[in-house]
N, C-alpha and C. Protein backbone atom coordinates (compact mmCIF):
# COMPACT_ATOMS: atom_id res chain seq x y z
N MET A 1 -38.16 -39.16 7.77
CA MET A 1 -38.58 -37.80 7.40
C MET A 1 -37.88 -36.75 8.28
N GLY A 2 -37.71 -37.11 9.58
CA GLY A 2 -37.07 -36.16 10.49
C GLY A 2 -35.64 -35.85 10.07
N GLY A 3 -34.92 -36.93 9.60
CA GLY A 3 -33.54 -36.72 9.17
C GLY A 3 -33.46 -35.82 7.95
N LYS A 4 -34.39 -35.99 7.01
CA LYS A 4 -34.40 -35.16 5.80
C LYS A 4 -34.66 -33.70 6.16
N ARG A 5 -35.59 -33.50 7.10
CA ARG A 5 -35.89 -32.13 7.52
C ARG A 5 -34.68 -31.46 8.16
N LYS A 6 -33.97 -32.22 8.99
CA LYS A 6 -32.78 -31.67 9.64
C LYS A 6 -31.71 -31.30 8.61
N ARG A 7 -31.50 -32.20 7.61
CA ARG A 7 -30.51 -31.91 6.57
C ARG A 7 -30.93 -30.71 5.74
N SER A 8 -32.23 -30.64 5.44
CA SER A 8 -32.73 -29.50 4.66
C SER A 8 -32.54 -28.20 5.42
N ARG A 9 -32.82 -28.24 6.74
CA ARG A 9 -32.66 -27.04 7.56
C ARG A 9 -31.17 -26.65 7.64
N LEU A 10 -30.30 -27.66 7.73
CA LEU A 10 -28.87 -27.40 7.79
C LEU A 10 -28.39 -26.73 6.51
N TRP A 11 -28.82 -27.28 5.35
CA TRP A 11 -28.43 -26.70 4.08
C TRP A 11 -28.96 -25.27 3.93
N MET A 12 -30.14 -25.02 4.44
CA MET A 12 -30.71 -23.68 4.38
C MET A 12 -29.89 -22.70 5.21
N ILE A 13 -29.49 -23.15 6.41
CA ILE A 13 -28.67 -22.29 7.27
C ILE A 13 -27.32 -22.00 6.62
N LEU A 14 -26.72 -23.06 6.05
CA LEU A 14 -25.44 -22.88 5.38
C LEU A 14 -25.57 -21.92 4.20
N GLY A 15 -26.67 -22.04 3.47
CA GLY A 15 -26.90 -21.14 2.34
C GLY A 15 -27.05 -19.70 2.78
N ILE A 16 -27.77 -19.50 3.90
CA ILE A 16 -27.94 -18.15 4.44
C ILE A 16 -26.60 -17.57 4.87
N LEU A 17 -25.79 -18.39 5.57
CA LEU A 17 -24.49 -17.93 6.02
C LEU A 17 -23.57 -17.59 4.84
N LEU A 18 -23.63 -18.46 3.81
CA LEU A 18 -22.80 -18.20 2.63
C LEU A 18 -23.24 -16.91 1.96
N GLY A 19 -24.54 -16.74 1.81
CA GLY A 19 -25.04 -15.51 1.19
C GLY A 19 -24.67 -14.27 1.98
N ALA A 20 -24.78 -14.38 3.31
CA ALA A 20 -24.41 -13.24 4.16
C ALA A 20 -22.92 -12.93 4.03
N GLY A 21 -22.10 -14.00 3.97
CA GLY A 21 -20.67 -13.80 3.82
C GLY A 21 -20.32 -13.10 2.51
N ILE A 22 -20.99 -13.51 1.43
CA ILE A 22 -20.75 -12.88 0.13
C ILE A 22 -21.15 -11.41 0.15
N LEU A 23 -22.30 -11.12 0.77
CA LEU A 23 -22.75 -9.73 0.87
C LEU A 23 -21.78 -8.87 1.69
N ILE A 24 -21.31 -9.42 2.80
CA ILE A 24 -20.37 -8.68 3.65
C ILE A 24 -19.07 -8.42 2.91
N PHE A 25 -18.56 -9.47 2.24
CA PHE A 25 -17.31 -9.30 1.52
C PHE A 25 -17.48 -8.32 0.37
N GLY A 26 -18.61 -8.41 -0.32
CA GLY A 26 -18.88 -7.45 -1.39
C GLY A 26 -18.93 -6.03 -0.86
N GLY A 27 -19.50 -5.86 0.34
CA GLY A 27 -19.53 -4.54 0.96
C GLY A 27 -18.14 -4.03 1.28
N LEU A 28 -17.27 -4.94 1.72
CA LEU A 28 -15.89 -4.54 2.02
C LEU A 28 -15.15 -4.10 0.76
N VAL A 29 -15.34 -4.84 -0.33
CA VAL A 29 -14.71 -4.45 -1.61
C VAL A 29 -15.26 -3.09 -2.04
N GLY A 30 -16.57 -2.90 -1.86
CA GLY A 30 -17.16 -1.60 -2.18
C GLY A 30 -16.56 -0.48 -1.36
N TYR A 31 -16.28 -0.78 -0.09
CA TYR A 31 -15.64 0.22 0.79
C TYR A 31 -14.27 0.61 0.24
N VAL A 32 -13.50 -0.39 -0.21
CA VAL A 32 -12.18 -0.12 -0.79
C VAL A 32 -12.32 0.78 -2.01
N VAL A 33 -13.29 0.49 -2.87
CA VAL A 33 -13.49 1.27 -4.09
C VAL A 33 -13.88 2.70 -3.75
N ILE A 34 -14.79 2.88 -2.80
CA ILE A 34 -15.22 4.22 -2.42
C ILE A 34 -14.06 5.04 -1.88
N ARG A 35 -13.27 4.43 -1.00
CA ARG A 35 -12.12 5.13 -0.44
C ARG A 35 -11.11 5.47 -1.54
N GLU A 36 -10.93 4.55 -2.47
CA GLU A 36 -9.99 4.76 -3.57
C GLU A 36 -10.37 5.95 -4.43
N ASN A 37 -11.67 6.19 -4.58
CA ASN A 37 -12.13 7.28 -5.46
C ASN A 37 -11.70 8.65 -4.96
N GLY A 38 -11.36 8.76 -3.67
CA GLY A 38 -10.92 10.03 -3.13
C GLY A 38 -9.41 10.24 -3.17
N VAL A 39 -8.69 9.31 -3.78
CA VAL A 39 -7.23 9.36 -3.79
C VAL A 39 -6.73 10.29 -4.91
N GLU A 40 -5.75 11.13 -4.59
CA GLU A 40 -5.10 11.95 -5.61
C GLU A 40 -4.24 11.05 -6.50
N LYS A 41 -4.36 11.24 -7.82
CA LYS A 41 -3.62 10.39 -8.76
C LYS A 41 -2.68 11.19 -9.66
N GLU A 42 -2.58 12.49 -9.42
CA GLU A 42 -1.67 13.35 -10.15
C GLU A 42 -0.83 14.14 -9.15
N ALA A 43 0.49 14.16 -9.35
CA ALA A 43 1.36 14.88 -8.44
C ALA A 43 1.01 16.37 -8.41
N SER A 44 0.52 16.90 -9.52
CA SER A 44 0.19 18.32 -9.59
C SER A 44 -0.96 18.69 -8.67
N ALA A 45 -1.75 17.69 -8.25
CA ALA A 45 -2.90 17.95 -7.36
C ALA A 45 -2.51 17.93 -5.88
N LEU A 46 -1.28 17.55 -5.58
CA LEU A 46 -0.84 17.48 -4.19
C LEU A 46 -0.61 18.87 -3.61
N PRO A 47 -0.84 19.06 -2.31
CA PRO A 47 -0.40 20.31 -1.68
C PRO A 47 1.11 20.42 -1.78
N ALA A 48 1.62 21.62 -1.90
CA ALA A 48 3.04 21.82 -2.21
C ALA A 48 3.93 21.87 -0.97
N ASP A 49 3.38 21.54 0.21
CA ASP A 49 4.16 21.73 1.44
C ASP A 49 4.80 20.44 1.96
N TYR A 50 5.04 19.45 1.10
CA TYR A 50 5.65 18.21 1.57
C TYR A 50 7.17 18.34 1.59
N ASP A 51 7.77 17.62 2.55
CA ASP A 51 9.21 17.70 2.77
C ASP A 51 9.93 16.39 2.45
N ALA A 52 9.19 15.33 2.16
CA ALA A 52 9.79 14.03 1.82
C ALA A 52 8.75 13.19 1.09
N ILE A 53 9.22 12.16 0.43
CA ILE A 53 8.36 11.23 -0.31
C ILE A 53 8.69 9.82 0.17
N VAL A 54 7.67 9.04 0.49
CA VAL A 54 7.84 7.65 0.90
C VAL A 54 7.16 6.77 -0.13
N VAL A 55 7.92 5.83 -0.72
CA VAL A 55 7.38 4.94 -1.76
C VAL A 55 7.34 3.52 -1.21
N LEU A 56 6.16 2.90 -1.26
CA LEU A 56 6.00 1.54 -0.75
C LEU A 56 6.30 0.53 -1.86
N GLY A 57 6.95 -0.57 -1.48
CA GLY A 57 7.46 -1.52 -2.46
C GLY A 57 6.42 -2.47 -3.02
N ALA A 58 6.83 -3.14 -4.08
CA ALA A 58 6.07 -4.22 -4.72
C ALA A 58 7.10 -5.14 -5.38
N GLN A 59 6.64 -6.09 -6.14
CA GLN A 59 7.52 -7.16 -6.62
C GLN A 59 8.62 -6.66 -7.55
N VAL A 60 9.80 -7.26 -7.37
CA VAL A 60 10.94 -7.05 -8.26
C VAL A 60 11.11 -8.29 -9.13
N LEU A 61 11.32 -8.09 -10.43
CA LEU A 61 11.47 -9.20 -11.37
C LEU A 61 12.84 -9.86 -11.21
N SER A 62 12.99 -11.04 -11.78
CA SER A 62 14.26 -11.77 -11.69
C SER A 62 15.41 -11.00 -12.33
N SER A 63 15.08 -10.07 -13.23
CA SER A 63 16.08 -9.24 -13.89
C SER A 63 16.60 -8.13 -12.97
N GLY A 64 15.93 -7.93 -11.83
CA GLY A 64 16.29 -6.84 -10.93
C GLY A 64 15.51 -5.57 -11.21
N GLU A 65 14.65 -5.61 -12.21
CA GLU A 65 13.83 -4.45 -12.54
C GLU A 65 12.50 -4.51 -11.80
N PRO A 66 11.88 -3.37 -11.52
CA PRO A 66 10.57 -3.39 -10.87
C PRO A 66 9.51 -3.95 -11.81
N ASN A 67 8.54 -4.65 -11.25
CA ASN A 67 7.43 -5.08 -12.10
C ASN A 67 6.59 -3.86 -12.47
N THR A 68 5.58 -4.06 -13.30
CA THR A 68 4.82 -2.92 -13.82
C THR A 68 4.19 -2.10 -12.72
N GLN A 69 3.59 -2.76 -11.73
CA GLN A 69 2.93 -2.04 -10.65
C GLN A 69 3.93 -1.20 -9.87
N LEU A 70 5.09 -1.77 -9.56
CA LEU A 70 6.11 -1.03 -8.83
C LEU A 70 6.66 0.12 -9.67
N GLN A 71 6.85 -0.11 -10.96
CA GLN A 71 7.34 0.95 -11.84
C GLN A 71 6.36 2.13 -11.85
N TRP A 72 5.08 1.83 -11.88
CA TRP A 72 4.09 2.91 -11.86
C TRP A 72 4.14 3.69 -10.55
N ARG A 73 4.37 3.00 -9.45
CA ARG A 73 4.53 3.70 -8.17
C ARG A 73 5.76 4.61 -8.22
N LEU A 74 6.85 4.10 -8.75
CA LEU A 74 8.08 4.88 -8.83
C LEU A 74 7.93 6.06 -9.78
N ASP A 75 7.23 5.88 -10.88
CA ASP A 75 7.00 6.98 -11.82
C ASP A 75 6.16 8.08 -11.17
N ALA A 76 5.17 7.67 -10.35
CA ALA A 76 4.37 8.66 -9.63
C ALA A 76 5.24 9.42 -8.64
N ALA A 77 6.11 8.70 -7.93
CA ALA A 77 7.03 9.34 -6.99
C ALA A 77 7.97 10.30 -7.71
N LEU A 78 8.42 9.89 -8.90
CA LEU A 78 9.31 10.74 -9.69
C LEU A 78 8.62 12.05 -10.06
N GLU A 79 7.35 11.97 -10.42
CA GLU A 79 6.59 13.19 -10.75
C GLU A 79 6.52 14.11 -9.53
N ALA A 80 6.27 13.52 -8.35
CA ALA A 80 6.21 14.34 -7.13
C ALA A 80 7.58 14.95 -6.84
N TRP A 81 8.64 14.20 -7.07
CA TRP A 81 9.99 14.70 -6.82
C TRP A 81 10.35 15.81 -7.80
N GLU A 82 9.98 15.65 -9.07
CA GLU A 82 10.28 16.68 -10.07
C GLU A 82 9.54 17.97 -9.76
N ARG A 83 8.36 17.83 -9.17
CA ARG A 83 7.61 19.02 -8.76
C ARG A 83 8.29 19.70 -7.59
N LYS A 84 8.86 18.89 -6.67
CA LYS A 84 9.56 19.44 -5.51
C LYS A 84 10.64 18.45 -5.09
N PRO A 85 11.91 18.72 -5.43
CA PRO A 85 12.99 17.79 -5.09
C PRO A 85 13.22 17.71 -3.58
N VAL A 86 12.81 16.62 -3.00
CA VAL A 86 12.92 16.39 -1.55
C VAL A 86 13.47 14.98 -1.33
N PRO A 87 13.91 14.65 -0.12
CA PRO A 87 14.38 13.29 0.14
C PRO A 87 13.29 12.25 -0.16
N VAL A 88 13.74 11.09 -0.67
CA VAL A 88 12.83 10.00 -1.01
C VAL A 88 13.22 8.77 -0.20
N VAL A 89 12.25 8.16 0.47
CA VAL A 89 12.47 6.91 1.19
C VAL A 89 11.79 5.79 0.42
N VAL A 90 12.55 4.76 0.06
CA VAL A 90 12.00 3.61 -0.66
C VAL A 90 11.99 2.40 0.28
N CYS A 91 10.88 1.68 0.30
CA CYS A 91 10.68 0.64 1.31
C CYS A 91 10.39 -0.72 0.68
N GLY A 92 11.02 -1.74 1.20
CA GLY A 92 10.68 -3.10 0.78
C GLY A 92 11.84 -4.06 0.95
N ALA A 93 11.57 -5.19 1.61
CA ALA A 93 12.58 -6.22 1.81
C ALA A 93 12.67 -7.13 0.58
N GLN A 94 13.50 -8.14 0.68
CA GLN A 94 13.70 -9.09 -0.41
C GLN A 94 12.83 -10.31 -0.19
N GLY A 95 11.92 -10.57 -1.14
CA GLY A 95 11.10 -11.77 -1.09
C GLY A 95 11.87 -12.99 -1.57
N LYS A 96 11.31 -14.16 -1.37
CA LYS A 96 12.00 -15.41 -1.72
C LYS A 96 12.29 -15.51 -3.21
N ASP A 97 11.43 -14.92 -4.05
CA ASP A 97 11.61 -15.02 -5.49
C ASP A 97 12.19 -13.74 -6.09
N GLU A 98 12.80 -12.90 -5.25
CA GLU A 98 13.36 -11.64 -5.74
C GLU A 98 14.88 -11.66 -5.63
N PRO A 99 15.59 -11.09 -6.61
CA PRO A 99 17.06 -11.15 -6.61
C PRO A 99 17.73 -10.15 -5.67
N MET A 100 16.97 -9.20 -5.16
CA MET A 100 17.50 -8.16 -4.28
C MET A 100 16.35 -7.54 -3.50
N PRO A 101 16.64 -6.80 -2.45
CA PRO A 101 15.56 -6.10 -1.75
C PRO A 101 14.83 -5.14 -2.68
N GLU A 102 13.53 -5.04 -2.49
CA GLU A 102 12.74 -4.14 -3.32
C GLU A 102 13.27 -2.71 -3.23
N ALA A 103 13.68 -2.30 -2.03
CA ALA A 103 14.19 -0.94 -1.84
C ALA A 103 15.41 -0.68 -2.71
N GLU A 104 16.27 -1.66 -2.85
CA GLU A 104 17.48 -1.49 -3.67
C GLU A 104 17.11 -1.33 -5.14
N ALA A 105 16.20 -2.17 -5.63
CA ALA A 105 15.76 -2.05 -7.02
C ALA A 105 15.06 -0.72 -7.26
N MET A 106 14.30 -0.25 -6.27
CA MET A 106 13.61 1.04 -6.39
C MET A 106 14.61 2.18 -6.46
N ARG A 107 15.62 2.13 -5.59
CA ARG A 107 16.66 3.17 -5.63
C ARG A 107 17.36 3.18 -6.99
N ASN A 108 17.71 2.00 -7.50
CA ASN A 108 18.40 1.93 -8.79
C ASN A 108 17.56 2.56 -9.90
N TYR A 109 16.26 2.27 -9.88
CA TYR A 109 15.37 2.81 -10.92
C TYR A 109 15.31 4.33 -10.83
N LEU A 110 15.16 4.86 -9.63
CA LEU A 110 15.03 6.31 -9.47
C LEU A 110 16.33 7.03 -9.81
N VAL A 111 17.47 6.41 -9.49
CA VAL A 111 18.75 7.00 -9.87
C VAL A 111 18.86 7.05 -11.39
N ASP A 112 18.46 5.97 -12.06
CA ASP A 112 18.49 5.94 -13.52
C ASP A 112 17.58 7.02 -14.12
N GLN A 113 16.53 7.39 -13.39
CA GLN A 113 15.61 8.41 -13.87
C GLN A 113 16.04 9.83 -13.52
N GLY A 114 17.16 9.95 -12.81
CA GLY A 114 17.72 11.28 -12.60
C GLY A 114 17.72 11.81 -11.18
N ILE A 115 17.22 11.04 -10.22
CA ILE A 115 17.27 11.49 -8.83
C ILE A 115 18.65 11.18 -8.25
N GLN A 116 19.24 12.17 -7.59
CA GLN A 116 20.57 11.97 -7.02
C GLN A 116 20.52 10.88 -5.95
N GLU A 117 21.52 10.01 -5.97
CA GLU A 117 21.54 8.88 -5.05
C GLU A 117 21.56 9.32 -3.60
N ASN A 118 22.20 10.47 -3.31
CA ASN A 118 22.27 10.92 -1.92
C ASN A 118 20.95 11.49 -1.41
N MET A 119 19.95 11.57 -2.27
CA MET A 119 18.62 12.01 -1.85
C MET A 119 17.67 10.84 -1.61
N ILE A 120 18.17 9.60 -1.81
CA ILE A 120 17.33 8.41 -1.66
C ILE A 120 17.78 7.62 -0.44
N TYR A 121 16.84 7.28 0.42
CA TYR A 121 17.11 6.53 1.63
C TYR A 121 16.35 5.20 1.55
N MET A 122 17.04 4.11 1.91
CA MET A 122 16.46 2.78 1.73
C MET A 122 16.04 2.16 3.05
N ASP A 123 14.88 1.52 3.02
CA ASP A 123 14.44 0.61 4.08
C ASP A 123 14.33 -0.77 3.44
N PRO A 124 15.38 -1.61 3.55
CA PRO A 124 15.37 -2.92 2.91
C PRO A 124 14.89 -4.05 3.81
N ASP A 125 14.23 -3.71 4.92
CA ASP A 125 13.91 -4.72 5.94
C ASP A 125 12.41 -4.93 6.15
N SER A 126 11.55 -4.16 5.51
CA SER A 126 10.12 -4.24 5.82
C SER A 126 9.39 -5.16 4.84
N PHE A 127 8.49 -5.97 5.39
CA PHE A 127 7.77 -6.97 4.59
C PHE A 127 6.28 -6.65 4.41
N ASN A 128 5.79 -5.62 5.08
CA ASN A 128 4.38 -5.27 4.91
C ASN A 128 4.21 -3.76 5.09
N THR A 129 3.00 -3.28 4.85
CA THR A 129 2.75 -1.84 4.87
C THR A 129 3.06 -1.22 6.22
N ASN A 130 2.65 -1.88 7.29
CA ASN A 130 2.89 -1.35 8.63
C ASN A 130 4.38 -1.21 8.89
N GLN A 131 5.16 -2.23 8.54
CA GLN A 131 6.61 -2.16 8.71
C GLN A 131 7.22 -1.10 7.81
N ASN A 132 6.72 -0.99 6.56
CA ASN A 132 7.19 0.07 5.65
C ASN A 132 7.15 1.43 6.35
N LEU A 133 5.99 1.74 6.91
CA LEU A 133 5.77 3.07 7.47
C LEU A 133 6.52 3.27 8.78
N LYS A 134 6.62 2.22 9.60
CA LYS A 134 7.40 2.33 10.83
C LYS A 134 8.87 2.59 10.52
N ASN A 135 9.42 1.82 9.59
CA ASN A 135 10.83 1.98 9.27
C ASN A 135 11.11 3.31 8.59
N ALA A 136 10.19 3.72 7.72
CA ALA A 136 10.36 5.02 7.06
C ALA A 136 10.32 6.14 8.08
N ALA A 137 9.46 6.01 9.09
CA ALA A 137 9.37 7.04 10.13
C ALA A 137 10.69 7.16 10.87
N GLU A 138 11.36 6.04 11.14
CA GLU A 138 12.65 6.08 11.84
C GLU A 138 13.70 6.78 10.99
N ILE A 139 13.66 6.54 9.68
CA ILE A 139 14.60 7.21 8.77
C ILE A 139 14.32 8.71 8.74
N LEU A 140 13.05 9.08 8.63
CA LEU A 140 12.69 10.49 8.51
C LEU A 140 13.02 11.28 9.77
N LYS A 141 12.98 10.61 10.93
CA LYS A 141 13.30 11.31 12.19
C LYS A 141 14.75 11.81 12.19
N LYS A 142 15.61 11.18 11.42
CA LYS A 142 17.02 11.55 11.39
C LYS A 142 17.31 12.67 10.39
N LEU A 143 16.30 13.05 9.60
CA LEU A 143 16.49 14.10 8.61
C LEU A 143 15.94 15.42 9.17
N PRO A 144 16.58 16.53 8.83
CA PRO A 144 16.14 17.82 9.40
C PRO A 144 14.86 18.34 8.75
N GLU A 145 14.00 18.92 9.56
CA GLU A 145 12.85 19.69 9.10
C GLU A 145 11.91 18.90 8.19
N ILE A 146 11.64 17.66 8.57
CA ILE A 146 10.64 16.87 7.85
C ILE A 146 9.32 16.97 8.62
N ARG A 147 8.37 17.68 8.03
CA ARG A 147 7.09 17.87 8.70
C ARG A 147 5.96 17.11 8.01
N LYS A 148 5.95 17.13 6.68
CA LYS A 148 4.86 16.49 5.94
C LYS A 148 5.45 15.64 4.82
N VAL A 149 4.91 14.45 4.64
CA VAL A 149 5.42 13.54 3.60
C VAL A 149 4.30 13.18 2.63
N VAL A 150 4.70 12.76 1.45
CA VAL A 150 3.80 12.18 0.46
C VAL A 150 4.04 10.68 0.44
N ILE A 151 3.00 9.90 0.67
CA ILE A 151 3.11 8.45 0.62
C ILE A 151 2.61 7.98 -0.74
N VAL A 152 3.47 7.28 -1.47
CA VAL A 152 3.14 6.83 -2.82
C VAL A 152 2.99 5.31 -2.83
N THR A 153 1.85 4.85 -3.32
CA THR A 153 1.60 3.43 -3.49
C THR A 153 0.50 3.27 -4.52
N SER A 154 0.02 2.07 -4.76
CA SER A 154 -1.06 1.87 -5.73
C SER A 154 -2.34 2.50 -5.21
N ASP A 155 -3.20 2.97 -6.13
CA ASP A 155 -4.37 3.76 -5.74
C ASP A 155 -5.27 3.05 -4.73
N TYR A 156 -5.52 1.75 -4.93
CA TYR A 156 -6.40 1.02 -4.01
C TYR A 156 -5.78 0.87 -2.62
N HIS A 157 -4.48 1.01 -2.53
CA HIS A 157 -3.71 0.78 -1.31
C HIS A 157 -3.53 2.05 -0.48
N VAL A 158 -3.71 3.22 -1.12
CA VAL A 158 -3.42 4.49 -0.46
C VAL A 158 -4.24 4.71 0.82
N PRO A 159 -5.57 4.50 0.82
CA PRO A 159 -6.33 4.82 2.03
C PRO A 159 -5.87 4.05 3.27
N ARG A 160 -5.56 2.76 3.13
CA ARG A 160 -5.11 1.99 4.30
C ARG A 160 -3.70 2.43 4.69
N ALA A 161 -2.86 2.71 3.70
CA ALA A 161 -1.52 3.22 4.02
C ALA A 161 -1.61 4.53 4.78
N MET A 162 -2.55 5.38 4.40
CA MET A 162 -2.72 6.65 5.10
C MET A 162 -3.23 6.44 6.52
N ALA A 163 -4.14 5.47 6.69
CA ALA A 163 -4.63 5.17 8.03
C ALA A 163 -3.49 4.69 8.93
N LEU A 164 -2.65 3.82 8.40
CA LEU A 164 -1.50 3.34 9.17
C LEU A 164 -0.51 4.48 9.43
N ALA A 165 -0.36 5.37 8.45
CA ALA A 165 0.54 6.51 8.63
C ALA A 165 0.05 7.41 9.76
N GLU A 166 -1.25 7.65 9.81
CA GLU A 166 -1.81 8.46 10.89
C GLU A 166 -1.57 7.80 12.25
N ASP A 167 -1.68 6.47 12.28
CA ASP A 167 -1.40 5.75 13.52
C ASP A 167 0.06 5.92 13.96
N GLN A 168 0.95 6.14 12.99
CA GLN A 168 2.37 6.35 13.28
C GLN A 168 2.70 7.81 13.59
N GLY A 169 1.69 8.67 13.49
CA GLY A 169 1.91 10.08 13.79
C GLY A 169 2.37 10.90 12.61
N TYR A 170 2.26 10.36 11.40
CA TYR A 170 2.64 11.10 10.21
C TYR A 170 1.68 12.26 9.96
N GLN A 171 2.20 13.35 9.41
CA GLN A 171 1.39 14.33 8.71
C GLN A 171 1.66 14.06 7.24
N ALA A 172 0.68 13.54 6.53
CA ALA A 172 0.96 13.00 5.21
C ALA A 172 -0.16 13.26 4.22
N ALA A 173 0.23 13.25 2.95
CA ALA A 173 -0.70 13.23 1.82
C ALA A 173 -0.44 11.93 1.07
N GLY A 174 -1.41 11.48 0.29
CA GLY A 174 -1.25 10.24 -0.46
C GLY A 174 -1.30 10.48 -1.95
N LEU A 175 -0.51 9.72 -2.69
CA LEU A 175 -0.50 9.78 -4.15
C LEU A 175 -0.64 8.36 -4.68
N GLY A 176 -1.67 8.13 -5.50
CA GLY A 176 -1.97 6.79 -5.98
C GLY A 176 -1.50 6.54 -7.40
N ALA A 177 -0.82 5.41 -7.59
CA ALA A 177 -0.44 4.95 -8.92
C ALA A 177 -1.47 3.94 -9.40
N PRO A 178 -1.63 3.77 -10.71
CA PRO A 178 -2.63 2.81 -11.21
C PRO A 178 -2.20 1.37 -10.96
N CYS A 179 -3.15 0.44 -11.08
CA CYS A 179 -2.84 -0.99 -11.06
C CYS A 179 -3.36 -1.61 -12.35
N LYS A 180 -2.81 -2.75 -12.71
CA LYS A 180 -3.19 -3.39 -13.97
C LYS A 180 -4.64 -3.88 -13.89
N PRO A 181 -5.45 -3.59 -14.90
CA PRO A 181 -6.88 -3.95 -14.86
C PRO A 181 -7.13 -5.43 -14.62
N GLU A 182 -6.27 -6.28 -15.16
CA GLU A 182 -6.49 -7.72 -15.02
C GLU A 182 -6.30 -8.20 -13.58
N TYR A 183 -5.67 -7.37 -12.75
CA TYR A 183 -5.48 -7.73 -11.34
C TYR A 183 -6.41 -6.95 -10.43
N TRP A 184 -7.39 -6.25 -11.02
CA TRP A 184 -8.26 -5.39 -10.23
C TRP A 184 -8.97 -6.18 -9.13
N LEU A 185 -9.62 -7.28 -9.49
CA LEU A 185 -10.39 -8.04 -8.50
C LEU A 185 -9.49 -8.63 -7.43
N LYS A 186 -8.37 -9.20 -7.83
CA LYS A 186 -7.44 -9.80 -6.87
C LYS A 186 -6.93 -8.75 -5.89
N ASN A 187 -6.51 -7.60 -6.41
CA ASN A 187 -5.96 -6.55 -5.56
C ASN A 187 -7.00 -6.00 -4.59
N HIS A 188 -8.21 -5.78 -5.08
CA HIS A 188 -9.24 -5.20 -4.23
C HIS A 188 -9.76 -6.21 -3.21
N ALA A 189 -9.81 -7.48 -3.59
CA ALA A 189 -10.23 -8.51 -2.63
C ALA A 189 -9.20 -8.64 -1.51
N ARG A 190 -7.93 -8.65 -1.86
CA ARG A 190 -6.88 -8.73 -0.84
C ARG A 190 -6.89 -7.50 0.05
N GLU A 191 -7.14 -6.34 -0.55
CA GLU A 191 -7.15 -5.11 0.23
C GLU A 191 -8.33 -5.09 1.20
N ALA A 192 -9.47 -5.64 0.77
CA ALA A 192 -10.64 -5.73 1.66
C ALA A 192 -10.29 -6.57 2.89
N LEU A 193 -9.62 -7.70 2.69
CA LEU A 193 -9.22 -8.54 3.82
C LEU A 193 -8.18 -7.83 4.69
N ALA A 194 -7.31 -7.05 4.05
CA ALA A 194 -6.29 -6.32 4.81
C ALA A 194 -6.93 -5.27 5.71
N TRP A 195 -8.04 -4.66 5.24
CA TRP A 195 -8.76 -3.71 6.09
C TRP A 195 -9.34 -4.41 7.31
N VAL A 196 -9.87 -5.61 7.13
CA VAL A 196 -10.41 -6.37 8.27
C VAL A 196 -9.30 -6.62 9.29
N LYS A 197 -8.15 -7.04 8.82
CA LYS A 197 -7.01 -7.27 9.72
C LYS A 197 -6.64 -5.99 10.44
N TYR A 198 -6.59 -4.88 9.71
CA TYR A 198 -6.24 -3.59 10.31
C TYR A 198 -7.20 -3.24 11.44
N TRP A 199 -8.51 -3.38 11.19
CA TRP A 199 -9.50 -3.04 12.22
C TRP A 199 -9.38 -3.97 13.44
N LEU A 200 -9.16 -5.27 13.18
CA LEU A 200 -9.04 -6.21 14.29
C LEU A 200 -7.84 -5.88 15.17
N VAL A 201 -6.72 -5.54 14.52
CA VAL A 201 -5.51 -5.21 15.28
C VAL A 201 -5.68 -3.90 16.03
N LYS A 202 -6.22 -2.89 15.35
CA LYS A 202 -6.31 -1.55 15.95
C LYS A 202 -7.36 -1.48 17.06
N HIS A 203 -8.55 -2.03 16.79
CA HIS A 203 -9.65 -1.81 17.73
C HIS A 203 -9.82 -2.94 18.75
N LEU A 204 -9.47 -4.17 18.35
CA LEU A 204 -9.61 -5.29 19.27
C LEU A 204 -8.27 -5.77 19.82
N HIS A 205 -7.20 -5.18 19.33
CA HIS A 205 -5.83 -5.49 19.79
C HIS A 205 -5.52 -6.98 19.63
N ILE A 206 -6.00 -7.54 18.53
CA ILE A 206 -5.72 -8.94 18.21
C ILE A 206 -4.40 -9.00 17.44
N SER A 207 -3.51 -9.84 17.86
CA SER A 207 -2.22 -9.98 17.19
C SER A 207 -2.35 -10.92 16.00
N LEU A 208 -2.18 -10.37 14.80
CA LEU A 208 -2.32 -11.17 13.57
C LEU A 208 -1.07 -11.09 12.72
């Protein structure tokens, strides 16, 4: 009887821990959604005092074209550029399943859409959001009179990108592009975990 009681108590504790974990994770996803609701999603709603645009990368197809999510980010950046033609920094390295660096594919797309090639600056070396923003900052330092930038990425991703941008000393606004509905849960779950990593690195100085 004692062994059964111990096993029962163990299962109860495990159930409580699992339930608590689900509640905490659900709260984190809710946090992502709440932050996302405050993101500007139209270039016309941006303040007009930006001097550059930074576009964060996403997957490039085997054809060399941006996938849908990346295309939407680039289209949002194009709207911001058409409102105010300023230098554009495109960020993203080459993944194992990509035929070229994301930054190169992004530049090609924007040139095809009418942005002059000499107004586009590439960061082909960054593999994550933090690296995107660090490398973009180094590029922007070499350009004259860059005071405020618009950071363009997917809507759920904008708040964390802005937090990282502030850590880099940016004066920035954010512009969010949509994401495909079928990837909503996956994207928001990953973003919730990314926020946990961000807090651990920033506040506890844990190297992850």
